[in-house]
Amino acid sequence: MPRLTLQSSKQVCGGGPHLCVWHLRSLAPSTQLLKPQVTSNVVAFHEDMIISGGSEPFVSHWSLDGKLQTEVPTSASSVFCLGINSSPTQQVLATGGSSYKIDLCTDFRYKDFSLCFCDP
């Protein structure tokens, strides 16, 4: 189950068949992030989007209204970790999962390169 992720008055959580955005003031679900046949493992807010990863070789970027914007291919067949550096001078998205590689994206719409952790 993905951890709970908060952004001001919204929260994303999972545990059921889909991720769901909840409006905290009304305590009601507002949007489902639907991907059939996919179990989500991690989720994070970044600026005006939601980034998720799970049981597929992609990191998904969603708009806040639940529309899938893009899918970035990853080295891993399943994604278990997302790390976001949001410094004003350099933004980096790092993804890791069932692979010996960590993927890095400086433009979150595509993978720039992978760090390889293997024997030479």
PDB file of N, CA and C in Angstrom:
ATOM      1  N   MET A   1       0.847  -1.180   0.000  1.00  0.00           N
ATOM      2  CA  MET A   1       0.000   0.000   0.000  1.00  0.00           C
ATOM      3  C   MET A   1       0.887   1.237   0.000  1.00  0.00           C
ATOM      4  N   PRO A   2       0.634   2.196  -0.878  1.00  0.00           N
ATOM      5  CA  PRO A   2       1.426   3.409  -0.885  1.00  0.00           C
ATOM      6  C   PRO A   2       1.201   4.229   0.367  1.00  0.00           C
ATOM      7  N   ARG A   3       2.228   4.957   0.749  1.00  0.00           N
ATOM      8  CA  ARG A   3       2.103   5.808   1.920  1.00  0.00           C
ATOM      9  C   ARG A   3       1.148   6.951   1.628  1.00  0.00           C
ATOM     10  N   LEU A   4       0.676   7.558   2.676  1.00  0.00           N
ATOM     11  CA  LEU A   4      -0.182   8.723   2.525  1.00  0.00           C
ATOM     12  C   LEU A   4       0.679   9.909   2.138  1.00  0.00           C
ATOM     13  N   THR A   5       0.240  10.672   1.192  1.00  0.00           N
ATOM     14  CA  THR A   5       0.976  11.836   0.731  1.00  0.00           C
ATOM     15  C   THR A   5       0.047  13.032   0.790  1.00  0.00           C
ATOM     16  N   LEU A   6       0.523  14.127   1.394  1.00  0.00           N
ATOM     17  CA  LEU A   6      -0.312  15.298   1.608  1.00  0.00           C
ATOM     18  C   LEU A   6       0.150  16.479   0.778  1.00  0.00           C
ATOM     19  N   GLN A   7      -0.796  17.293   0.354  1.00  0.00           N
ATOM     20  CA  GLN A   7      -0.522  18.583  -0.269  1.00  0.00           C
ATOM     21  C   GLN A   7      -1.646  19.509   0.139  1.00  0.00           C
ATOM     22  N   SER A   8      -1.357  20.482   0.935  1.00  0.00           N
ATOM     23  CA  SER A   8      -2.314  21.456   1.465  1.00  0.00           C
ATOM     24  C   SER A   8      -3.635  20.793   1.855  1.00  0.00           C
ATOM     25  N   SER A   9      -4.661  20.904   1.053  1.00  0.00           N
ATOM     26  CA  SER A   9      -5.968  20.374   1.438  1.00  0.00           C
ATOM     27  C   SER A   9      -6.290  19.042   0.769  1.00  0.00           C
ATOM     28  N   LYS A  10      -5.273  18.389   0.177  1.00  0.00           N
ATOM     29  CA  LYS A  10      -5.507  17.116  -0.509  1.00  0.00           C
ATOM     30  C   LYS A  10      -4.568  16.053   0.022  1.00  0.00           C
ATOM     31  N   GLN A  11      -5.006  14.815  -0.114  1.00  0.00           N
ATOM     32  CA  GLN A  11      -4.217  13.658   0.290  1.00  0.00           C
ATOM     33  C   GLN A  11      -4.410  12.572  -0.747  1.00  0.00           C
ATOM     34  N   VAL A  12      -3.349  11.831  -1.059  1.00  0.00           N
ATOM     35  CA  VAL A  12      -3.462  10.679  -1.949  1.00  0.00           C
ATOM     36  C   VAL A  12      -3.140   9.453  -1.126  1.00  0.00           C
ATOM     37  N   CYS A  13      -3.969   8.447  -1.243  1.00  0.00           N
ATOM     38  CA  CYS A  13      -3.692   7.199  -0.539  1.00  0.00           C
ATOM     39  C   CYS A  13      -4.212   6.031  -1.364  1.00  0.00           C
ATOM     40  N   GLY A  14      -3.769   4.854  -0.993  1.00  0.00           N
ATOM     41  CA  GLY A  14      -4.167   3.655  -1.708  1.00  0.00           C
ATOM     42  C   GLY A  14      -4.502   2.552  -0.738  1.00  0.00           C
ATOM     43  N   GLY A  15      -4.440   1.350  -1.226  1.00  0.00           N
ATOM     44  CA  GLY A  15      -4.770   0.203  -0.402  1.00  0.00           C
ATOM     45  C   GLY A  15      -5.911  -0.590  -1.001  1.00  0.00           C
ATOM     46  N   GLY A  16      -6.679   0.057  -1.832  1.00  0.00           N
ATOM     47  CA  GLY A  16      -7.748  -0.613  -2.556  1.00  0.00           C
ATOM     48  C   GLY A  16      -7.277  -0.873  -3.972  1.00  0.00           C
ATOM     49  N   PRO A  17      -8.191  -1.001  -4.882  1.00  0.00           N
ATOM     50  CA  PRO A  17      -7.774  -1.281  -6.256  1.00  0.00           C
ATOM     51  C   PRO A  17      -7.125  -0.085  -6.957  1.00  0.00           C
ATOM     52  N   HIS A  18      -7.326   1.144  -6.457  1.00  0.00           N
ATOM     53  CA  HIS A  18      -6.792   2.331  -7.121  1.00  0.00           C
ATOM     54  C   HIS A  18      -6.307   3.338  -6.104  1.00  0.00           C
ATOM     55  N   LEU A  19      -5.453   4.245  -6.557  1.00  0.00           N
ATOM     56  CA  LEU A  19      -5.125   5.413  -5.752  1.00  0.00           C
ATOM     57  C   LEU A  19      -6.316   6.349  -5.768  1.00  0.00           C
ATOM     58  N   CYS A  20      -6.448   7.119  -4.705  1.00  0.00           N
ATOM     59  CA  CYS A  20      -7.573   8.042  -4.616  1.00  0.00           C
ATOM     60  C   CYS A  20      -7.098   9.348  -3.991  1.00  0.00           C
ATOM     61  N   VAL A  21      -7.518  10.471  -4.570  1.00  0.00           N
ATOM     62  CA  VAL A  21      -7.251  11.787  -4.007  1.00  0.00           C
ATOM     63  C   VAL A  21      -8.427  12.126  -3.106  1.00  0.00           C
ATOM     64  N   TRP A  22      -8.123  12.502  -1.870  1.00  0.00           N
ATOM     65  CA  TRP A  22      -9.150  12.872  -0.895  1.00  0.00           C
ATOM     66  C   TRP A  22      -9.064  14.362  -0.615  1.00  0.00           C
ATOM     67  N   HIS A  23     -10.208  15.001  -0.510  1.00  0.00           N
ATOM     68  CA  HIS A  23     -10.289  16.394  -0.101  1.00  0.00           C
ATOM     69  C   HIS A  23     -10.395  16.383   1.422  1.00  0.00           C
ATOM     70  N   LEU A  24      -9.402  16.950   2.110  1.00  0.00           N
ATOM     71  CA  LEU A  24      -9.326  16.825   3.566  1.00  0.00           C
ATOM     72  C   LEU A  24     -10.387  17.634   4.312  1.00  0.00           C
ATOM     73  N   ARG A  25     -10.767  18.765   3.777  1.00  0.00           N
ATOM     74  CA  ARG A  25     -11.766  19.578   4.494  1.00  0.00           C
ATOM     75  C   ARG A  25     -13.130  18.898   4.531  1.00  0.00           C
ATOM     76  N   SER A  26     -13.499  18.248   3.437  1.00  0.00           N
ATOM     77  CA  SER A  26     -14.801  17.582   3.394  1.00  0.00           C
ATOM     78  C   SER A  26     -14.710  16.107   3.778  1.00  0.00           C
ATOM     79  N   LEU A  27     -13.464  15.588   3.912  1.00  0.00           N
ATOM     80  CA  LEU A  27     -13.233  14.170   4.230  1.00  0.00           C
ATOM     81  C   LEU A  27     -13.919  13.246   3.230  1.00  0.00           C
ATOM     82  N   ALA A  28     -13.848  13.629   1.962  1.00  0.00           N
ATOM     83  CA  ALA A  28     -14.492  12.843   0.913  1.00  0.00           C
ATOM     84  C   ALA A  28     -13.512  12.604  -0.229  1.00  0.00           C
ATOM     85  N   PRO A  29     -13.622  11.436  -0.875  1.00  0.00           N
ATOM     86  CA  PRO A  29     -12.776  11.203  -2.048  1.00  0.00           C
ATOM     87  C   PRO A  29     -13.208  12.132  -3.180  1.00  0.00           C
ATOM     88  N   SER A  30     -12.212  12.708  -3.863  1.00  0.00           N
ATOM     89  CA  SER A  30     -12.558  13.624  -4.941  1.00  0.00           C
ATOM     90  C   SER A  30     -12.211  13.054  -6.321  1.00  0.00           C
ATOM     91  N   THR A  31     -11.134  12.257  -6.403  1.00  0.00           N
ATOM     92  CA  THR A  31     -10.686  11.760  -7.698  1.00  0.00           C
ATOM     93  C   THR A  31     -10.032  10.400  -7.539  1.00  0.00           C
ATOM     94  N   GLN A  32     -10.317   9.478  -8.462  1.00  0.00           N
ATOM     95  CA  GLN A  32      -9.605   8.208  -8.512  1.00  0.00           C
ATOM     96  C   GLN A  32      -8.580   8.260  -9.629  1.00  0.00           C
ATOM     97  N   LEU A  33      -7.413   7.687  -9.363  1.00  0.00           N
ATOM     98  CA  LEU A  33      -6.369   7.572 -10.373  1.00  0.00           C
ATOM     99  C   LEU A  33      -6.418   6.142 -10.879  1.00  0.00           C
ATOM    100  N   LEU A  34      -7.077   5.946 -12.019  1.00  0.00           N
ATOM    101  CA  LEU A  34      -7.411   4.611 -12.501  1.00  0.00           C
ATOM    102  C   LEU A  34      -6.366   4.059 -13.464  1.00  0.00           C
ATOM    103  N   LYS A  35      -5.791   2.922 -13.094  1.00  0.00           N
ATOM    104  CA  LYS A  35      -4.906   2.149 -13.977  1.00  0.00           C
ATOM    105  C   LYS A  35      -5.249   0.685 -13.747  1.00  0.00           C
ATOM    106  N   PRO A  36      -6.064   0.107 -14.594  1.00  0.00           N
ATOM    107  CA  PRO A  36      -6.446  -1.299 -14.409  1.00  0.00           C
ATOM    108  C   PRO A  36      -5.224  -2.211 -14.394  1.00  0.00           C
ATOM    109  N   GLN A  37      -5.281  -3.230 -13.573  1.00  0.00           N
ATOM    110  CA  GLN A  37      -4.242  -4.254 -13.482  1.00  0.00           C
ATOM    111  C   GLN A  37      -2.937  -3.754 -12.874  1.00  0.00           C
ATOM    112  N   VAL A  38      -2.923  -2.555 -12.257  1.00  0.00           N
ATOM    113  CA  VAL A  38      -1.697  -2.012 -11.676  1.00  0.00           C
ATOM    114  C   VAL A  38      -1.904  -1.797 -10.186  1.00  0.00           C
ATOM    115  N   THR A  39      -0.947  -2.282  -9.400  1.00  0.00           N
ATOM    116  CA  THR A  39      -0.921  -2.016  -7.963  1.00  0.00           C
ATOM    117  C   THR A  39       0.078  -0.906  -7.717  1.00  0.00           C
ATOM    118  N   SER A  40      -0.341   0.158  -7.062  1.00  0.00           N
ATOM    119  CA  SER A  40       0.547   1.291  -6.796  1.00  0.00           C
ATOM    120  C   SER A  40       1.342   1.038  -5.523  1.00  0.00           C
ATOM    121  N   ASN A  41       2.643   1.343  -5.570  1.00  0.00           N
ATOM    122  CA  ASN A  41       3.524   1.167  -4.423  1.00  0.00           C
ATOM    123  C   ASN A  41       3.934   2.487  -3.790  1.00  0.00           C
ATOM    124  N   VAL A  42       4.113   3.532  -4.596  1.00  0.00           N
ATOM    125  CA  VAL A  42       4.545   4.834  -4.100  1.00  0.00           C
ATOM    126  C   VAL A  42       3.800   5.937  -4.835  1.00  0.00           C
ATOM    127  N   VAL A  43       3.643   7.058  -4.140  1.00  0.00           N
ATOM    128  CA  VAL A  43       2.962   8.202  -4.739  1.00  0.00           C
ATOM    129  C   VAL A  43       3.490   9.467  -4.082  1.00  0.00           C
ATOM    130  N   ALA A  44       3.561  10.558  -4.863  1.00  0.00           N
ATOM    131  CA  ALA A  44       4.029  11.835  -4.330  1.00  0.00           C
ATOM    132  C   ALA A  44       3.393  12.976  -5.105  1.00  0.00           C
ATOM    133  N   PHE A  45       3.176  14.092  -4.418  1.00  0.00           N
ATOM    134  CA  PHE A  45       2.779  15.331  -5.081  1.00  0.00           C
ATOM    135  C   PHE A  45       4.041  16.045  -5.517  1.00  0.00           C
ATOM    136  N   HIS A  46       4.003  16.653  -6.686  1.00  0.00           N
ATOM    137  CA  HIS A  46       5.086  17.541  -7.129  1.00  0.00           C
ATOM    138  C   HIS A  46       4.457  18.656  -7.939  1.00  0.00           C
ATOM    139  N   GLU A  47       4.573  19.867  -7.432  1.00  0.00           N
ATOM    140  CA  GLU A  47       3.983  21.049  -8.047  1.00  0.00           C
ATOM    141  C   GLU A  47       2.510  20.797  -8.338  1.00  0.00           C
ATOM    142  N   ASP A  48       2.101  20.811  -9.608  1.00  0.00           N
ATOM    143  CA  ASP A  48       0.684  20.642  -9.931  1.00  0.00           C
ATOM    144  C   ASP A  48       0.382  19.252 -10.484  1.00  0.00           C
ATOM    145  N   MET A  49       1.168  18.252 -10.050  1.00  0.00           N
ATOM    146  CA  MET A  49       0.915  16.896 -10.521  1.00  0.00           C
ATOM    147  C   MET A  49       1.116  15.884  -9.401  1.00  0.00           C
ATOM    148  N   ILE A  50       0.630  14.671  -9.683  1.00  0.00           N
ATOM    149  CA  ILE A  50       0.809  13.532  -8.793  1.00  0.00           C
ATOM    150  C   ILE A  50       1.670  12.529  -9.555  1.00  0.00           C
ATOM    151  N   ILE A  51       2.691  12.010  -8.899  1.00  0.00           N
ATOM    152  CA  ILE A  51       3.590  11.041  -9.515  1.00  0.00           C
ATOM    153  C   ILE A  51       3.429   9.729  -8.766  1.00  0.00           C
ATOM    154  N   SER A  52       3.239   8.622  -9.512  1.00  0.00           N
ATOM    155  CA  SER A  52       3.061   7.325  -8.856  1.00  0.00           C
ATOM    156  C   SER A  52       3.871   6.252  -9.580  1.00  0.00           C
ATOM    157  N   GLY A  53       4.163   5.203  -8.843  1.00  0.00           N
ATOM    158  CA  GLY A  53       4.856   4.051  -9.399  1.00  0.00           C
ATOM    159  C   GLY A  53       4.327   2.794  -8.755  1.00  0.00           C
ATOM    160  N   GLY A  54       4.437   1.678  -9.471  1.00  0.00           N
ATOM    161  CA  GLY A  54       3.905   0.437  -8.922  1.00  0.00           C
ATOM    162  C   GLY A  54       4.327  -0.770  -9.721  1.00  0.00           C
ATOM    163  N   SER A  55       3.398  -1.662  -9.932  1.00  0.00           N
ATOM    164  CA  SER A  55       3.678  -2.982 -10.509  1.00  0.00           C
ATOM    165  C   SER A  55       3.750  -2.966 -12.033  1.00  0.00           C
ATOM    166  N   GLU A  56       4.420  -1.986 -12.575  1.00  0.00           N
ATOM    167  CA  GLU A  56       4.646  -1.890 -14.013  1.00  0.00           C
ATOM    168  C   GLU A  56       5.941  -1.103 -14.223  1.00  0.00           C
ATOM    169  N   PRO A  57       6.564  -1.213 -15.382  1.00  0.00           N
ATOM    170  CA  PRO A  57       7.846  -0.529 -15.616  1.00  0.00           C
ATOM    171  C   PRO A  57       7.695   0.926 -16.054  1.00  0.00           C
ATOM    172  N   PHE A  58       6.837   1.667 -15.367  1.00  0.00           N
ATOM    173  CA  PHE A  58       6.605   3.070 -15.681  1.00  0.00           C
ATOM    174  C   PHE A  58       6.416   3.874 -14.401  1.00  0.00           C
ATOM    175  N   VAL A  59       6.737   5.160 -14.473  1.00  0.00           N
ATOM    176  CA  VAL A  59       6.335   6.127 -13.465  1.00  0.00           C
ATOM    177  C   VAL A  59       5.252   6.964 -14.123  1.00  0.00           C
ATOM    178  N   SER A  60       4.101   7.057 -13.481  1.00  0.00           N
ATOM    179  CA  SER A  60       2.943   7.760 -14.060  1.00  0.00           C
ATOM    180  C   SER A  60       2.839   9.166 -13.499  1.00  0.00           C
ATOM    181  N   HIS A  61       2.519  10.111 -14.378  1.00  0.00           N
ATOM    182  CA  HIS A  61       2.307  11.504 -14.001  1.00  0.00           C
ATOM    183  C   HIS A  61       0.831  11.815 -14.237  1.00  0.00           C
ATOM    184  N   TRP A  62       0.165  12.291 -13.195  1.00  0.00           N
ATOM    185  CA  TRP A  62      -1.267  12.567 -13.228  1.00  0.00           C
ATOM    186  C   TRP A  62      -1.529  14.047 -12.983  1.00  0.00           C
ATOM    187  N   SER A  63      -2.566  14.575 -13.599  1.00  0.00           N
ATOM    188  CA  SER A  63      -3.038  15.910 -13.235  1.00  0.00           C
ATOM    189  C   SER A  63      -3.833  15.766 -11.941  1.00  0.00           C
ATOM    190  N   LEU A  64      -4.073  16.865 -11.262  1.00  0.00           N
ATOM    191  CA  LEU A  64      -4.810  16.811  -9.997  1.00  0.00           C
ATOM    192  C   LEU A  64      -6.264  16.391 -10.171  1.00  0.00           C
ATOM    193  N   ASP A  65      -6.773  16.458 -11.409  1.00  0.00           N
ATOM    194  CA  ASP A  65      -8.148  16.012 -11.648  1.00  0.00           C
ATOM    195  C   ASP A  65      -8.209  14.541 -12.087  1.00  0.00           C
ATOM    196  N   GLY A  66      -7.085  13.813 -11.983  1.00  0.00           N
ATOM    197  CA  GLY A  66      -7.096  12.378 -12.219  1.00  0.00           C
ATOM    198  C   GLY A  66      -6.807  11.925 -13.633  1.00  0.00           C
ATOM    199  N   LYS A  67      -6.374  12.821 -14.491  1.00  0.00           N
ATOM    200  CA  LYS A  67      -6.067  12.428 -15.869  1.00  0.00           C
ATOM    201  C   LYS A  67      -4.604  12.029 -15.973  1.00  0.00           C
ATOM    202  N   LEU A  68      -4.353  10.883 -16.595  1.00  0.00           N
ATOM    203  CA  LEU A  68      -2.994  10.416 -16.817  1.00  0.00           C
ATOM    204  C   LEU A  68      -2.343  11.306 -17.873  1.00  0.00           C
ATOM    205  N   GLN A  69      -1.251  11.987 -17.503  1.00  0.00           N
ATOM    206  CA  GLN A  69      -0.579  12.916 -18.405  1.00  0.00           C
ATOM    207  C   GLN A  69       0.526  12.242 -19.210  1.00  0.00           C
ATOM    208  N   THR A  70       1.360  11.449 -18.532  1.00  0.00           N
ATOM    209  CA  THR A  70       2.453  10.773 -19.210  1.00  0.00           C
ATOM    210  C   THR A  70       2.925   9.576 -18.396  1.00  0.00           C
ATOM    211  N   GLU A  71       3.568   8.644 -19.080  1.00  0.00           N
ATOM    212  CA  GLU A  71       4.191   7.499 -18.432  1.00  0.00           C
ATOM    213  C   GLU A  71       5.662   7.478 -18.852  1.00  0.00           C
ATOM    214  N   VAL A  72       6.552   7.481 -17.877  1.00  0.00           N
ATOM    215  CA  VAL A  72       7.986   7.474 -18.150  1.00  0.00           C
ATOM    216  C   VAL A  72       8.497   6.056 -17.929  1.00  0.00           C
ATOM    217  N   PRO A  73       9.098   5.427 -18.944  1.00  0.00           N
ATOM    218  CA  PRO A  73       9.635   4.082 -18.779  1.00  0.00           C
ATOM    219  C   PRO A  73      10.762   4.054 -17.737  1.00  0.00           C
ATOM    220  N   THR A  74      10.825   2.964 -16.982  1.00  0.00           N
ATOM    221  CA  THR A  74      11.875   2.790 -15.980  1.00  0.00           C
ATOM    222  C   THR A  74      12.663   1.518 -16.266  1.00  0.00           C
ATOM    223  N   SER A  75      13.817   1.394 -15.628  1.00  0.00           N
ATOM    224  CA  SER A  75      14.636   0.188 -15.748  1.00  0.00           C
ATOM    225  C   SER A  75      14.036  -0.975 -14.976  1.00  0.00           C
ATOM    226  N   ALA A  76      13.274  -0.670 -13.948  1.00  0.00           N
ATOM    227  CA  ALA A  76      12.690  -1.696 -13.084  1.00  0.00           C
ATOM    228  C   ALA A  76      11.342  -2.165 -13.621  1.00  0.00           C
ATOM    229  N   SER A  77      11.028  -3.445 -13.407  1.00  0.00           N
ATOM    230  CA  SER A  77       9.715  -3.944 -13.809  1.00  0.00           C
ATOM    231  C   SER A  77       8.640  -3.525 -12.809  1.00  0.00           C
ATOM    232  N   SER A  78       9.038  -3.198 -11.578  1.00  0.00           N
ATOM    233  CA  SER A  78       8.146  -2.640 -10.557  1.00  0.00           C
ATOM    234  C   SER A  78       8.878  -1.509  -9.852  1.00  0.00           C
ATOM    235  N   VAL A  79       8.181  -0.419  -9.558  1.00  0.00           N
ATOM    236  CA  VAL A  79       8.777   0.745  -8.906  1.00  0.00           C
ATOM    237  C   VAL A  79       8.380   0.736  -7.435  1.00  0.00           C
ATOM    238  N   PHE A  80       9.390   0.854  -6.550  1.00  0.00           N
ATOM    239  CA  PHE A  80       9.155   0.842  -5.109  1.00  0.00           C
ATOM    240  C   PHE A  80       9.571   2.131  -4.419  1.00  0.00           C
ATOM    241  N   CYS A  81      10.261   3.026  -5.128  1.00  0.00           N
ATOM    242  CA  CYS A  81      10.788   4.224  -4.472  1.00  0.00           C
ATOM    243  C   CYS A  81      10.821   5.395  -5.451  1.00  0.00           C
ATOM    244  N   LEU A  82      10.351   6.546  -4.985  1.00  0.00           N
ATOM    245  CA  LEU A  82      10.445   7.805  -5.727  1.00  0.00           C
ATOM    246  C   LEU A  82      11.151   8.811  -4.835  1.00  0.00           C
ATOM    247  N   GLY A  83      12.111   9.518  -5.383  1.00  0.00           N
ATOM    248  CA  GLY A  83      12.758  10.599  -4.651  1.00  0.00           C
ATOM    249  C   GLY A  83      12.738  11.844  -5.505  1.00  0.00           C
ATOM    250  N   ILE A  84      12.339  12.964  -4.904  1.00  0.00           N
ATOM    251  CA  ILE A  84      12.228  14.211  -5.656  1.00  0.00           C
ATOM    252  C   ILE A  84      13.067  15.276  -4.977  1.00  0.00           C
ATOM    253  N   ASN A  85      14.002  15.864  -5.729  1.00  0.00           N
ATOM    254  CA  ASN A  85      14.745  17.026  -5.284  1.00  0.00           C
ATOM    255  C   ASN A  85      14.112  18.232  -5.957  1.00  0.00           C
ATOM    256  N   SER A  86      13.550  19.117  -5.159  1.00  0.00           N
ATOM    257  CA  SER A  86      12.822  20.261  -5.717  1.00  0.00           C
ATOM    258  C   SER A  86      13.569  21.567  -5.524  1.00  0.00           C
ATOM    259  N   SER A  87      14.894  21.545  -5.610  1.00  0.00           N
ATOM    260  CA  SER A  87      15.631  22.794  -5.432  1.00  0.00           C
ATOM    261  C   SER A  87      15.299  23.735  -6.593  1.00  0.00           C
ATOM    262  N   PRO A  88      15.343  25.031  -6.366  1.00  0.00           N
ATOM    263  CA  PRO A  88      14.996  25.982  -7.420  1.00  0.00           C
ATOM    264  C   PRO A  88      15.947  25.918  -8.622  1.00  0.00           C
ATOM    265  N   THR A  89      17.181  25.498  -8.411  1.00  0.00           N
ATOM    266  CA  THR A  89      18.145  25.479  -9.510  1.00  0.00           C
ATOM    267  C   THR A  89      18.183  24.154 -10.255  1.00  0.00           C
ATOM    268  N   GLN A  90      17.836  23.063  -9.598  1.00  0.00           N
ATOM    269  CA  GLN A  90      17.902  21.754 -10.256  1.00  0.00           C
ATOM    270  C   GLN A  90      16.872  20.807  -9.662  1.00  0.00           C
ATOM    271  N   GLN A  91      15.908  20.389 -10.474  1.00  0.00           N
ATOM    272  CA  GLN A  91      14.925  19.409 -10.035  1.00  0.00           C
ATOM    273  C   GLN A  91      15.331  18.045 -10.574  1.00  0.00           C
ATOM    274  N   VAL A  92      15.247  17.025  -9.711  1.00  0.00           N
ATOM    275  CA  VAL A  92      15.606  15.665 -10.109  1.00  0.00           C
ATOM    276  C   VAL A  92      14.577  14.706  -9.532  1.00  0.00           C
ATOM    277  N   LEU A  93      14.117  13.784 -10.373  1.00  0.00           N
ATOM    278  CA  LEU A  93      13.266  12.681  -9.936  1.00  0.00           C
ATOM    279  C   LEU A  93      14.109  11.416 -10.024  1.00  0.00           C
ATOM    280  N   ALA A  94      14.230  10.689  -8.917  1.00  0.00           N
ATOM    281  CA  ALA A  94      14.959   9.416  -8.894  1.00  0.00           C
ATOM    282  C   ALA A  94      13.955   8.308  -8.630  1.00  0.00           C
ATOM    283  N   THR A  95      14.049   7.219  -9.392  1.00  0.00           N
ATOM    284  CA  THR A  95      13.149   6.081  -9.197  1.00  0.00           C
ATOM    285  C   THR A  95      13.977   4.817  -9.033  1.00  0.00           C
ATOM    286  N   GLY A  96      13.496   3.951  -8.171  1.00  0.00           N
ATOM    287  CA  GLY A  96      14.154   2.670  -7.954  1.00  0.00           C
ATOM    288  C   GLY A  96      13.124   1.590  -7.759  1.00  0.00           C
ATOM    289  N   GLY A  97      13.548   0.366  -8.010  1.00  0.00           N
ATOM    290  CA  GLY A  97      12.618  -0.745  -7.856  1.00  0.00           C
ATOM    291  C   GLY A  97      13.314  -2.065  -8.047  1.00  0.00           C
ATOM    292  N   SER A  98      12.678  -2.962  -8.752  1.00  0.00           N
ATOM    293  CA  SER A  98      13.176  -4.325  -8.938  1.00  0.00           C
ATOM    294  C   SER A  98      14.238  -4.376 -10.029  1.00  0.00           C
ATOM    295  N   SER A  99      15.300  -3.627  -9.826  1.00  0.00           N
ATOM    296  CA  SER A  99      16.388  -3.543 -10.786  1.00  0.00           C
ATOM    297  C   SER A  99      17.646  -3.127 -10.042  1.00  0.00           C
ATOM    298  N   TYR A 100      18.787  -3.359 -10.625  1.00  0.00           N
ATOM    299  CA  TYR A 100      20.042  -2.911 -10.032  1.00  0.00           C
ATOM    300  C   TYR A 100      20.374  -1.485 -10.481  1.00  0.00           C
ATOM    301  N   LYS A 101      19.424  -0.813 -11.118  1.00  0.00           N
ATOM    302  CA  LYS A 101      19.625   0.544 -11.604  1.00  0.00           C
ATOM    303  C   LYS A 101      18.699   1.519 -10.884  1.00  0.00           C
ATOM    304  N   ILE A 102      19.174   2.748 -10.746  1.00  0.00           N
ATOM    305  CA  ILE A 102      18.361   3.861 -10.264  1.00  0.00           C
ATOM    306  C   ILE A 102      18.248   4.837 -11.426  1.00  0.00           C
ATOM    307  N   ASP A 103      17.028   5.159 -11.820  1.00  0.00           N
ATOM    308  CA  ASP A 103      16.790   6.054 -12.952  1.00  0.00           C
ATOM    309  C   ASP A 103      16.685   7.493 -12.464  1.00  0.00           C
ATOM    310  N   LEU A 104      17.274   8.415 -13.223  1.00  0.00           N
ATOM    311  CA  LEU A 104      17.246   9.835 -12.882  1.00  0.00           C
ATOM    312  C   LEU A 104      16.626  10.630 -14.020  1.00  0.00           C
ATOM    313  N   CYS A 105      15.738  11.547 -13.655  1.00  0.00           N
ATOM    314  CA  CYS A 105      15.059  12.399 -14.622  1.00  0.00           C
ATOM    315  C   CYS A 105      15.234  13.853 -14.184  1.00  0.00           C
ATOM    316  N   THR A 106      15.859  14.679 -15.021  1.00  0.00           N
ATOM    317  CA  THR A 106      15.947  16.110 -14.715  1.00  0.00           C
ATOM    318  C   THR A 106      14.765  16.850 -15.342  1.00  0.00           C
ATOM    319  N   ASP A 107      14.245  16.317 -16.413  1.00  0.00           N
ATOM    320  CA  ASP A 107      12.970  16.748 -16.970  1.00  0.00           C
ATOM    321  C   ASP A 107      12.050  15.562 -16.693  1.00  0.00           C
ATOM    322  N   PHE A 108      11.062  15.752 -15.863  1.00  0.00           N
ATOM    323  CA  PHE A 108      10.286  14.621 -15.348  1.00  0.00           C
ATOM    324  C   PHE A 108       9.529  13.856 -16.427  1.00  0.00           C
ATOM    325  N   ARG A 109       9.538  14.321 -17.681  1.00  0.00           N
ATOM    326  CA  ARG A 109       8.792  13.665 -18.748  1.00  0.00           C
ATOM    327  C   ARG A 109       9.559  12.524 -19.410  1.00  0.00           C
ATOM    328  N   TYR A 110      10.858  12.382 -19.115  1.00  0.00           N
ATOM    329  CA  TYR A 110      11.639  11.292 -19.699  1.00  0.00           C
ATOM    330  C   TYR A 110      12.813  10.950 -18.797  1.00  0.00           C
ATOM    331  N   LYS A 111      13.355   9.755 -18.982  1.00  0.00           N
ATOM    332  CA  LYS A 111      14.504   9.289 -18.208  1.00  0.00           C
ATOM    333  C   LYS A 111      15.770   9.819 -18.854  1.00  0.00           C
ATOM    334  N   ASP A 112      16.607  10.532 -18.084  1.00  0.00           N
ATOM    335  CA  ASP A 112      17.864  11.059 -18.605  1.00  0.00           C
ATOM    336  C   ASP A 112      18.939   9.972 -18.645  1.00  0.00           C
ATOM    337  N   PHE A 113      19.117   9.268 -17.530  1.00  0.00           N
ATOM    338  CA  PHE A 113      20.117   8.207 -17.469  1.00  0.00           C
ATOM    339  C   PHE A 113      19.857   7.341 -16.250  1.00  0.00           C
ATOM    340  N   SER A 114      20.591   6.253 -16.157  1.00  0.00           N
ATOM    341  CA  SER A 114      20.462   5.318 -15.033  1.00  0.00           C
ATOM    342  C   SER A 114      21.815   5.135 -14.379  1.00  0.00           C
ATOM    343  N   LEU A 115      21.800   5.056 -13.045  1.00  0.00           N
ATOM    344  CA  LEU A 115      22.982   4.695 -12.292  1.00  0.00           C
ATOM    345  C   LEU A 115      22.976   3.174 -12.156  1.00  0.00           C
ATOM    346  N   CYS A 116      24.076   2.551 -12.496  1.00  0.00           N
ATOM    347  CA  CYS A 116      24.169   1.089 -12.479  1.00  0.00           C
ATOM    348  C   CYS A 116      24.981   0.638 -11.275  1.00  0.00           C
ATOM    349  N   PHE A 117      24.423  -0.232 -10.450  1.00  0.00           N
ATOM    350  CA  PHE A 117      25.100  -0.779  -9.289  1.00  0.00           C
ATOM    351  C   PHE A 117      25.327  -2.270  -9.517  1.00  0.00           C
ATOM    352  N   CYS A 118      26.449  -2.574 -10.187  1.00  0.00           N
ATOM    353  CA  CYS A 118      26.763  -3.963 -10.504  1.00  0.00           C
ATOM    354  C   CYS A 118      28.277  -4.137 -10.486  1.00  0.00           C
ATOM    355  N   ASP A 119      28.732  -5.368 -10.512  1.00  0.00           N
ATOM    356  CA  ASP A 119      30.160  -5.659 -10.546  1.00  0.00           C
ATOM    357  C   ASP A 119      30.737  -5.261 -11.887  1.00  0.00           C
ATOM    358  N   PRO A 120      31.948  -4.671 -11.882  1.00  0.00           N
ATOM    359  CA  PRO A 120      32.561  -4.274 -13.161  1.00  0.00           C
ATOM    360  C   PRO A 120      32.968  -5.463 -14.002  1.00  0.00           C
TER     361      PRO A 120
END
